[in-house]
Amino acid sequence: MSRHELSGYLVPAARELPSNAEYLAHLAVSAGDKRLIRLASNENTDPPSPRVREALERAHLDANLSPPPVPALRLALAERYSVTPSQVLVSAGSTEVIDATLRTFVRAGDEVLVPHPGWPVLQRRLQALEARTVEVPLDVDDESWRYDVTSILAAVNPATKLIVVCTPSNPTGNAMSLDDVRRIAAVGLPFLVDAAYADFDPDVDLTGLVHEHSNVVLTRTFSKAYCLAGLRIGYAVGNAAVLDHVDRFLVPGSSISSASLHAGLAALEDDAYHDRQVARIIRERERLLPALRALGLRAWSSSGNFVSVDASGFDDGAEELARRILDGGVVVRPLYDLVRISIGRTEENDVLLAAVAAAVGR
């Protein structure tokens, strides 16, 4: 049977979903030239804690064995959140457990409320489920983006099956107050809170949500503050019965690796290294923001490990601005009408600022 003949058996989403290769093109660019500074993926450009190296060496001793269903990392996270191990689900990056949560609650045609602009991967996964995505626009001015919680609540109707919020928001950088998150949780619908960037918004502690509301699934990642994007470690915290159902959408025995579990536990236990990373990134973020504005760009305040700038004034929009910055040796991420710039080390951010200055003719 030819490939053409097989196409008739494809589900609609298989034909309609955009290419992952296109979405991840920035990684191919970075891999193709090691001289480039990669500030496109919201990675941490520092290596992980030295304890992670030691843990990965120890991982060699049991790499031949499948990891246990309740690994030590799960127990440590449960202790940190003051919950039972059954209220924690560890996964291969928070993306995996987010996708499993979507599949737990959403069928084809179901309505899901999401802010816009938002994380493109979330939209892709909902498209794969053939869900009906209802986008609630963010407010924006020259200084920042903002969630309109009143509009989110007003959009809830009997067809709504799930509400999803990312705070701090990717790619816009704005965060939601704890009171506003609670207002949404109080609706009682399944509520997925993507808190991948919460480390960089230290004044807002979302931990209490999982103790107060059984409908909340809170997801976190080790990719940012813990410098472990390449090892794919994420987790969800929530109601035990809810997470039991979410877990059923993960392939048994085929999620997070034993090596990643070793590394994640070592990183989690090195609070001092984590705290230094967070402080460094916040310090550089607050230096970078006014510097980008001084170059004439509309740069929005951020509570994440990135800053986004308005590229709508360029003829080819964000793609053009990203190409110009690439000419200066820095890979950044065009998304919608903005360019998202991950926070690097001081010397990397200095190169970034020089590349931006050249890109805007300053």
Protein backbone atom coordinates (compact mmCIF):
# COMPACT_ATOMS: atom_id res chain seq x y z
CA MET A 1 0.00 0.00 0.00
CA SER A 2 1.43 3.37 -0.98
CA ARG A 3 1.74 6.37 1.29
CA HIS A 4 -0.93 8.06 -0.79
CA GLU A 5 -3.34 5.19 -0.17
CA LEU A 6 -2.63 5.28 3.57
CA SER A 7 -3.58 8.95 3.75
CA GLY A 8 -7.22 7.99 3.49
CA TYR A 9 -7.00 6.28 6.89
CA LEU A 10 -5.58 9.27 8.75
CA VAL A 11 -7.66 10.94 11.43
CA PRO A 12 -8.35 14.61 10.63
CA ALA A 13 -5.87 15.93 13.22
CA ALA A 14 -3.04 13.93 11.65
CA ARG A 15 -3.55 15.85 8.42
CA GLU A 16 -4.23 19.24 10.01
CA LEU A 17 -1.67 19.52 12.81
CA PRO A 18 1.32 21.74 11.96
CA SER A 19 4.74 20.17 11.65
CA ASN A 20 6.73 19.58 14.84
CA ALA A 21 9.91 20.02 12.80
CA GLU A 22 8.79 23.51 11.88
CA TYR A 23 7.87 24.34 15.46
CA LEU A 24 11.28 23.14 16.71
CA ALA A 25 13.29 24.71 13.90
CA HIS A 26 15.08 26.99 16.38
CA LEU A 27 16.63 23.91 18.01
CA ALA A 28 17.94 22.73 14.66
CA VAL A 29 19.48 26.16 14.05
CA SER A 30 21.18 26.10 17.45
CA ALA A 31 22.47 22.56 16.99
CA GLY A 32 23.88 23.40 13.58
CA ASP A 33 26.23 26.11 14.86
CA LYS A 34 27.67 25.77 18.36
CA ARG A 35 28.89 29.37 18.24
CA LEU A 36 25.32 30.64 18.45
CA ILE A 37 23.87 31.72 21.78
CA ARG A 38 20.55 29.91 22.26
CA LEU A 39 17.98 32.10 23.97
CA ALA A 40 14.95 30.64 22.21
CA SER A 41 13.67 27.75 24.34
CA ASN A 42 13.44 29.20 27.87
CA GLU A 43 16.20 26.82 28.89
CA ASN A 44 18.69 27.66 31.59
CA THR A 45 22.04 28.32 29.92
CA ASP A 46 23.93 27.28 33.07
CA PRO A 47 24.69 23.59 33.67
CA PRO A 48 22.82 21.82 36.48
CA SER A 49 23.99 21.38 40.04
CA PRO A 50 27.22 19.37 40.45
CA ARG A 51 25.11 16.94 42.46
CA VAL A 52 23.34 16.03 39.21
CA ARG A 53 26.61 14.86 37.67
CA GLU A 54 27.17 12.58 40.65
CA ALA A 55 23.60 11.30 40.44
CA LEU A 56 23.93 10.49 36.74
CA GLU A 57 27.06 8.51 37.48
CA ARG A 58 25.15 6.53 40.10
CA ALA A 59 22.34 6.01 37.60
CA HIS A 60 24.68 3.75 35.63
CA LEU A 61 24.33 1.13 38.35
CA ASP A 62 20.59 0.59 37.81
CA ALA A 63 20.14 1.71 34.21
CA ASN A 64 19.34 -1.92 33.31
CA LEU A 65 16.25 -1.85 35.55
CA SER A 66 12.87 -0.20 35.08
CA PRO A 67 12.21 2.51 37.68
CA PRO A 68 9.72 1.80 40.49
CA PRO A 69 6.19 3.21 40.27
CA VAL A 70 6.78 5.31 43.41
CA PRO A 71 10.36 6.58 42.99
CA ALA A 72 12.28 8.56 45.58
CA LEU A 73 11.69 11.80 43.62
CA ARG A 74 7.94 11.37 43.98
CA LEU A 75 8.32 10.87 47.72
CA ALA A 76 10.52 13.95 48.03
CA LEU A 77 8.06 16.10 46.09
CA ALA A 78 5.19 14.86 48.24
CA GLU A 79 7.10 15.88 51.34
CA ARG A 80 7.85 19.31 49.88
CA TYR A 81 4.19 19.95 49.10
CA SER A 82 2.96 18.35 52.34
CA VAL A 83 0.81 15.88 50.41
CA THR A 84 0.69 12.11 50.10
CA PRO A 85 2.70 10.38 47.31
CA SER A 86 -0.62 9.57 45.59
CA GLN A 87 -1.08 13.32 45.10
CA VAL A 88 2.08 13.61 43.00
CA LEU A 89 2.57 12.29 39.47
CA VAL A 90 6.09 12.43 37.96
CA SER A 91 6.41 12.52 34.18
CA ALA A 92 8.79 13.01 31.27
CA GLY A 93 8.57 16.79 31.39
CA SER A 94 5.48 18.72 32.42
CA THR A 95 4.36 18.60 28.77
CA GLU A 96 3.63 14.89 29.11
CA VAL A 97 1.46 15.22 32.21
CA ILE A 98 -0.29 18.28 30.75
CA ASP A 99 -1.18 16.24 27.67
CA ALA A 100 -2.41 13.37 29.85
CA THR A 101 -4.56 15.80 31.86
CA LEU A 102 -6.12 17.16 28.68
CA ARG A 103 -6.96 13.63 27.53
CA THR A 104 -8.42 12.83 30.94
CA PHE A 105 -11.09 15.54 30.69
CA VAL A 106 -11.52 16.44 27.02
CA ARG A 107 -13.21 14.60 24.18
CA ALA A 108 -13.71 15.66 20.56
CA GLY A 109 -15.97 18.69 20.44
CA ASP A 110 -15.58 19.57 24.12
CA GLU A 111 -15.00 23.20 25.02
CA VAL A 112 -11.79 24.30 26.75
CA LEU A 113 -11.09 27.84 27.96
CA VAL A 114 -7.54 29.09 27.35
CA PRO A 115 -5.97 32.57 27.47
CA HIS A 116 -4.59 34.11 24.27
CA PRO A 117 -1.82 34.54 23.36
CA GLY A 118 -0.65 31.35 25.03
CA TRP A 119 1.67 28.40 24.76
CA PRO A 120 1.40 27.02 21.20
CA VAL A 121 1.95 23.41 22.31
CA LEU A 122 -1.22 23.55 24.41
CA GLN A 123 -3.18 24.63 21.36
CA ARG A 124 -1.64 21.81 19.30
CA ARG A 125 -2.56 19.17 21.85
CA LEU A 126 -6.13 20.42 22.03
CA GLN A 127 -6.29 20.39 18.25
CA ALA A 128 -5.11 16.77 18.32
CA LEU A 129 -8.07 15.99 20.58
CA GLU A 130 -10.41 17.86 18.22
CA ALA A 131 -11.49 20.01 21.14
CA ARG A 132 -13.22 23.34 20.73
CA THR A 133 -10.77 25.92 22.05
CA VAL A 134 -12.31 29.12 23.40
CA GLU A 135 -9.63 31.81 23.59
CA VAL A 136 -9.98 34.57 26.18
CA PRO A 137 -7.78 37.52 25.14
CA LEU A 138 -5.25 38.97 27.54
CA ASP A 139 -5.22 42.70 28.16
CA VAL A 140 -2.08 44.53 27.07
CA ASP A 141 -0.53 47.99 27.23
CA ASP A 142 2.96 49.35 26.65
CA GLU A 143 4.26 47.95 29.94
CA SER A 144 2.71 44.52 30.40
CA TRP A 145 0.15 41.88 29.56
CA ARG A 146 -2.57 41.05 32.09
CA TYR A 147 -5.07 38.29 32.66
CA ASP A 148 -8.70 39.41 32.56
CA VAL A 149 -10.10 36.99 35.13
CA THR A 150 -13.57 38.53 34.90
CA SER A 151 -13.63 37.69 31.18
CA ILE A 152 -12.41 34.14 31.86
CA LEU A 153 -15.21 33.60 34.36
CA ALA A 154 -17.75 35.17 32.01
CA ALA A 155 -16.71 32.73 29.27
CA VAL A 156 -17.59 29.70 31.41
CA ASN A 157 -20.80 28.02 30.26
CA PRO A 158 -22.43 24.56 30.48
CA ALA A 159 -20.28 23.34 27.57
CA THR A 160 -16.99 24.16 29.33
CA LYS A 161 -15.12 21.00 30.32
CA LEU A 162 -11.73 22.39 31.34
CA ILE A 163 -10.03 25.71 32.11
CA VAL A 164 -6.29 26.05 31.49
CA VAL A 165 -4.07 28.87 32.74
CA CYS A 166 -0.29 29.26 32.56
CA THR A 167 1.09 31.53 35.28
CA PRO A 168 3.52 33.15 34.78
CA SER A 169 2.29 33.08 31.22
CA ASN A 170 4.31 31.82 28.27
CA PRO A 171 5.05 33.73 26.04
CA THR A 172 3.74 37.00 27.49
CA GLY A 173 5.37 36.88 30.93
CA ASN A 174 2.44 38.11 33.01
CA ALA A 175 1.47 36.33 36.22
CA MET A 176 -1.87 35.86 37.92
CA SER A 177 -2.41 36.74 41.56
CA LEU A 178 -3.20 33.91 43.93
CA ASP A 179 -6.61 35.43 44.65
CA ASP A 180 -7.46 35.43 40.95
CA VAL A 181 -6.35 31.81 40.55
CA ARG A 182 -8.58 30.94 43.49
CA ARG A 183 -11.53 32.73 41.85
CA ILE A 184 -11.21 30.44 38.84
CA ALA A 185 -10.71 27.33 40.98
CA ALA A 186 -13.87 28.17 42.90
CA VAL A 187 -15.93 27.61 39.74
CA GLY A 188 -15.44 23.89 40.40
CA LEU A 189 -14.59 22.82 36.85
CA PRO A 190 -11.42 20.85 36.14
CA PHE A 191 -8.68 23.47 36.27
CA LEU A 192 -5.18 22.90 34.90
CA VAL A 193 -2.59 25.37 36.20
CA ASP A 194 0.67 25.26 34.24
CA ALA A 195 3.22 26.70 36.68
CA ALA A 196 6.37 25.97 34.67
CA TYR A 197 7.76 29.44 35.46
CA ALA A 198 6.57 29.80 39.05
CA ASP A 199 10.14 29.69 40.40
CA PHE A 200 10.73 33.12 38.90
CA ASP A 201 7.63 34.64 40.53
CA PRO A 202 8.64 34.02 44.15
CA ASP A 203 6.07 36.37 45.69
CA VAL A 204 3.19 34.11 44.57
CA ASP A 205 3.04 30.66 46.19
CA LEU A 206 0.61 28.41 44.35
CA THR A 207 1.20 25.43 46.65
CA GLY A 208 -1.93 26.04 48.70
CA LEU A 209 -4.17 25.46 45.69
CA VAL A 210 -3.74 21.70 45.86
CA HIS A 211 -4.83 21.70 49.51
CA GLU A 212 -7.84 23.95 48.94
CA HIS A 213 -9.35 22.70 45.66
CA SER A 214 -9.70 19.09 44.52
CA ASN A 215 -10.38 20.22 40.94
CA VAL A 216 -6.92 21.79 40.48
CA VAL A 217 -4.07 20.00 38.72
CA LEU A 218 -0.86 21.99 39.23
CA THR A 219 2.05 21.16 36.92
CA ARG A 220 5.71 22.06 37.39
CA THR A 221 8.99 21.37 35.59
CA PHE A 222 12.70 20.87 36.28
CA SER A 223 13.61 22.36 32.88
CA LYS A 224 13.99 25.99 33.97
CA ALA A 225 15.27 26.78 37.47
CA TYR A 226 16.85 23.33 37.87
CA CYS A 227 18.71 23.46 34.50
CA LEU A 228 17.44 20.02 33.38
CA ALA A 229 15.58 20.67 30.11
CA GLY A 230 17.48 17.89 28.36
CA LEU A 231 16.45 15.25 30.89
CA ARG A 232 12.68 15.89 30.63
CA ILE A 233 11.46 15.93 34.23
CA GLY A 234 8.08 17.31 35.22
CA TYR A 235 5.30 16.55 37.65
CA ALA A 236 1.74 17.27 38.65
CA VAL A 237 0.33 17.82 42.14
CA GLY A 238 -3.36 17.50 42.89
CA ASN A 239 -6.17 15.35 44.19
CA ALA A 240 -5.18 11.68 44.43
CA ALA A 241 -8.30 10.36 42.68
CA VAL A 242 -7.91 12.87 39.82
CA LEU A 243 -4.22 12.05 39.34
CA ASP A 244 -5.02 8.34 39.33
CA HIS A 245 -7.15 8.95 36.25
CA VAL A 246 -4.50 11.19 34.67
CA ASP A 247 -1.90 8.48 35.27
CA ARG A 248 -3.93 6.06 33.18
CA PHE A 249 -3.20 8.17 30.10
CA LEU A 250 0.54 7.75 30.58
CA VAL A 251 2.00 4.66 28.95
CA PRO A 252 2.89 2.24 31.77
CA GLY A 253 6.62 1.97 32.25
CA SER A 254 7.42 4.30 29.36
CA SER A 255 7.49 7.71 30.99
CA ILE A 256 10.38 9.23 32.93
CA SER A 257 13.70 7.35 32.88
CA SER A 258 15.61 6.09 35.90
CA ALA A 259 18.51 8.41 35.03
CA SER A 260 16.19 11.41 35.05
CA LEU A 261 14.72 10.34 38.38
CA HIS A 262 18.20 10.21 39.91
CA ALA A 263 19.07 13.61 38.46
CA GLY A 264 15.80 15.23 39.48
CA LEU A 265 16.14 14.13 43.09
CA ALA A 266 19.71 15.45 43.27
CA ALA A 267 18.64 18.79 41.80
CA LEU A 268 15.65 19.08 44.13
CA GLU A 269 17.84 18.52 47.17
CA ASP A 270 20.31 21.26 46.20
CA ASP A 271 18.20 24.23 47.27
CA ALA A 272 21.18 26.58 47.39
CA TYR A 273 22.01 25.99 43.72
CA HIS A 274 18.37 26.39 42.71
CA ASP A 275 18.05 29.63 44.66
CA ARG A 276 21.20 31.08 43.08
CA GLN A 277 19.86 30.30 39.62
CA VAL A 278 16.54 31.97 40.36
CA ALA A 279 18.22 35.06 41.82
CA ARG A 280 20.61 35.31 38.87
CA ILE A 281 17.85 35.04 36.29
CA ILE A 282 15.61 37.57 38.04
CA ARG A 283 18.53 39.97 38.35
CA GLU A 284 19.38 39.64 34.65
CA ARG A 285 15.72 39.89 33.67
CA GLU A 286 15.41 43.20 35.47
CA ARG A 287 18.58 44.44 33.77
CA LEU A 288 17.53 43.29 30.31
CA LEU A 289 14.03 44.77 30.32
CA PRO A 290 14.96 48.48 30.56
CA ALA A 291 17.89 47.94 28.20
CA LEU A 292 15.55 46.59 25.50
CA ARG A 293 13.18 49.49 26.05
CA ALA A 294 16.08 51.93 25.74
CA LEU A 295 16.71 50.48 22.27
CA GLY A 296 13.22 51.58 21.24
CA LEU A 297 11.45 48.24 21.57
CA ARG A 298 8.15 47.71 23.31
CA ALA A 299 9.29 45.16 25.90
CA TRP A 300 6.79 43.76 28.38
CA SER A 301 7.39 43.14 32.06
CA SER A 302 7.88 39.48 32.85
CA SER A 303 7.65 37.13 35.82
CA GLY A 304 9.26 34.27 33.89
CA ASN A 305 12.79 33.43 32.78
CA PHE A 306 12.26 35.34 29.54
CA VAL A 307 11.28 38.73 28.17
CA SER A 308 9.05 39.30 25.13
CA VAL A 309 9.13 42.25 22.75
CA ASP A 310 6.65 43.56 20.22
CA ALA A 311 7.66 42.78 16.62
CA SER A 312 4.48 43.90 14.89
CA GLY A 313 6.20 46.97 13.46
CA PHE A 314 8.53 44.93 11.24
CA ASP A 315 7.46 44.17 7.67
CA ASP A 316 7.70 40.42 8.21
CA GLY A 317 6.80 40.65 11.90
CA ALA A 318 8.44 38.45 14.49
CA GLU A 319 10.17 36.25 11.92
CA GLU A 320 12.04 39.26 10.55
CA LEU A 321 13.17 40.55 13.94
CA ALA A 322 14.31 37.05 14.95
CA ARG A 323 16.32 36.73 11.72
CA ARG A 324 18.01 40.07 12.34
CA ILE A 325 18.95 39.07 15.88
CA LEU A 326 20.24 35.74 14.55
CA ASP A 327 22.59 37.72 12.32
CA GLY A 328 24.13 38.95 15.58
CA GLY A 329 24.76 35.39 16.77
CA VAL A 330 21.72 34.86 19.03
CA VAL A 331 18.80 32.50 18.49
CA VAL A 332 15.47 33.86 19.81
CA ARG A 333 11.89 32.70 19.36
CA PRO A 334 9.27 34.33 17.13
CA LEU A 335 5.76 33.63 18.45
CA TYR A 336 2.66 35.37 17.18
CA ASP A 337 3.58 39.08 16.77
CA LEU A 338 6.24 38.99 19.46
CA VAL A 339 9.77 37.72 19.92
CA ARG A 340 10.45 35.81 23.13
CA ILE A 341 13.97 36.08 24.53
CA SER A 342 15.15 33.66 27.21
CA ILE A 343 17.31 35.11 29.98
CA GLY A 344 20.90 33.95 29.61
CA ARG A 345 24.06 34.61 31.55
CA THR A 346 25.33 38.19 31.78
CA GLU A 347 27.81 37.80 28.93
CA GLU A 348 25.16 36.15 26.72
CA ASN A 349 22.69 38.93 27.43
CA ASP A 350 25.33 41.50 26.52
CA VAL A 351 25.72 39.84 23.11
CA LEU A 352 21.94 39.76 22.80
CA LEU A 353 21.66 43.48 23.45
CA ALA A 354 24.31 44.21 20.83
CA ALA A 355 22.47 42.00 18.33
CA VAL A 356 19.17 43.75 19.08
CA ALA A 357 20.78 47.17 18.70
CA ALA A 358 22.07 46.18 15.25
CA ALA A 359 18.69 44.67 14.35
CA VAL A 360 16.83 47.92 15.10
CA GLY A 361 19.55 50.19 13.71
CA ARG A 362 20.62 51.74 17.01
